[in-house]
C-alpha atoms as a PDB file:
ATOM      1  CA  MET A   1       0.006  -0.007   0.003  1.00  0.00           C
ATOM      2  CA  PRO A   2       1.426   3.414  -0.906  1.00  0.00           C
ATOM      3  CA  LYS A   3       2.034   6.177   1.587  1.00  0.00           C
ATOM      4  CA  MET A   4      -0.854   8.499   2.343  1.00  0.00           C
ATOM      5  CA  LYS A   5      -0.492  12.083   1.115  1.00  0.00           C
ATOM      6  CA  THR A   6      -0.539  14.991   3.540  1.00  0.00           C
ATOM      7  CA  ASN A   7      -2.852  17.829   2.649  1.00  0.00           C
ATOM      8  CA  ARG A   8      -0.296  20.585   2.115  1.00  0.00           C
ATOM      9  CA  ALA A   9      -2.762  23.392   2.862  1.00  0.00           C
ATOM     10  CA  ALA A  10      -3.475  21.816   6.261  1.00  0.00           C
ATOM     11  CA  ALA A  11       0.223  21.273   6.951  1.00  0.00           C
ATOM     12  CA  LYS A  12       0.872  24.990   6.524  1.00  0.00           C
ATOM     13  CA  ARG A  13      -1.970  26.001   8.847  1.00  0.00           C
ATOM     14  CA  PHE A  14      -1.796  23.512  11.728  1.00  0.00           C
ATOM     15  CA  ARG A  15       0.866  22.096  14.058  1.00  0.00           C
ATOM     16  CA  LYS A  16       0.390  19.164  16.409  1.00  0.00           C
ATOM     17  CA  THR A  17       1.264  19.784  20.064  1.00  0.00           C
ATOM     18  CA  ALA A  18       2.865  17.303  22.463  1.00  0.00           C
ATOM     19  CA  SER A  19      -0.540  16.597  24.036  1.00  0.00           C
ATOM     20  CA  GLY A  20      -1.980  15.672  20.610  1.00  0.00           C
ATOM     21  CA  LYS A  21      -4.035  18.820  20.078  1.00  0.00           C
ATOM     22  CA  PHE A  22      -3.733  21.008  16.988  1.00  0.00           C
ATOM     23  CA  LYS A  23      -2.513  24.598  17.133  1.00  0.00           C
ATOM     24  CA  CYS A  24      -3.561  27.153  14.535  1.00  0.00           C
ATOM     25  CA  GLY A  25      -3.675  30.883  13.997  1.00  0.00           C
ATOM     26  CA  HIS A  26      -6.622  33.192  14.450  1.00  0.00           C
ATOM     27  CA  ALA A  27      -8.856  34.462  11.680  1.00  0.00           C
ATOM     28  CA  PHE A  28      -9.319  38.193  10.922  1.00  0.00           C
ATOM     29  CA  ARG A  29      -5.593  38.984  11.162  1.00  0.00           C
ATOM     30  CA  SER A  30      -4.699  39.745   7.534  1.00  0.00           C
ATOM     31  CA  HIS A  31      -5.905  43.213   6.535  1.00  0.00           C
ATOM     32  CA  ILE A  32      -8.181  46.144   7.460  1.00  0.00           C
ATOM     33  CA  LEU A  33      -6.670  46.201  10.967  1.00  0.00           C
ATOM     34  CA  THR A  34      -6.937  49.963  11.435  1.00  0.00           C
ATOM     35  CA  LYS A  35     -10.513  49.806  12.749  1.00  0.00           C
ATOM     36  CA  MET A  36      -9.611  47.080  15.211  1.00  0.00           C
ATOM     37  CA  SER A  37      -8.540  47.919  18.753  1.00  0.00           C
ATOM     38  CA  THR A  38      -4.946  47.225  19.805  1.00  0.00           C
ATOM     39  CA  LYS A  39      -6.176  44.905  22.551  1.00  0.00           C
ATOM     40  CA  ARG A  40      -8.107  42.783  20.037  1.00  0.00           C
ATOM     41  CA  LYS A  41      -5.182  42.585  17.605  1.00  0.00           C
ATOM     42  CA  ARG A  42      -2.850  41.578  20.448  1.00  0.00           C
ATOM     43  CA  GLY A  43      -5.278  38.839  21.470  1.00  0.00           C
ATOM     44  CA  LEU A  44      -5.384  37.475  17.936  1.00  0.00           C
ATOM     45  CA  ARG A  45      -1.592  37.039  18.030  1.00  0.00           C
ATOM     46  CA  ALA A  46      -1.910  34.394  20.734  1.00  0.00           C
ATOM     47  CA  PRO A  47      -2.017  30.722  19.699  1.00  0.00           C
ATOM     48  CA  ASN A  48      -5.401  29.208  18.962  1.00  0.00           C
ATOM     49  CA  HIS A  49      -6.415  25.552  19.300  1.00  0.00           C
ATOM     50  CA  VAL A  50      -8.648  23.561  16.983  1.00  0.00           C
ATOM     51  CA  ARG A  51     -11.895  22.514  18.635  1.00  0.00           C
ATOM     52  CA  LYS A  52     -12.248  18.814  19.437  1.00  0.00           C
ATOM     53  CA  GLU A  53     -15.175  18.530  17.014  1.00  0.00           C
ATOM     54  CA  ASP A  54     -12.846  19.541  14.144  1.00  0.00           C
ATOM     55  CA  ALA A  55      -9.648  17.879  15.347  1.00  0.00           C
ATOM     56  CA  GLY A  56     -10.505  14.528  13.732  1.00  0.00           C
ATOM     57  CA  ARG A  57     -10.900  16.195  10.347  1.00  0.00           C
ATOM     58  CA  VAL A  58      -7.561  17.942  10.691  1.00  0.00           C
ATOM     59  CA  ALA A  59      -5.885  14.680  11.818  1.00  0.00           C
ATOM     60  CA  ARG A  60      -7.134  12.914   8.699  1.00  0.00           C
ATOM     61  CA  MET A  61      -5.612  15.613   6.493  1.00  0.00           C
ATOM     62  CA  MET A  62      -2.231  15.228   8.255  1.00  0.00           C
ATOM     63  CA  PRO A  63      -1.686  11.480   8.735  1.00  0.00           C
ATOM     64  CA  TYR A  64       1.988  11.832   9.749  1.00  0.00           C
ATOM     65  CA  ALA A  65       1.743  14.889  12.020  1.00  0.00           C
END
């Protein structure tokens, strides 16, 4: 049986942590940031975790993560 392919888009967006969870970035961080408060932008810099309902889907896209 051949190796499974990793979804490259998912590999660029998610990292697996030591506890088995998936880390990802926040949305709404790319442009039109002038209207956003500094506090909100600073909060979006912090790491974000994938919810457990979606973690299985991410895990399937990254079989070797």
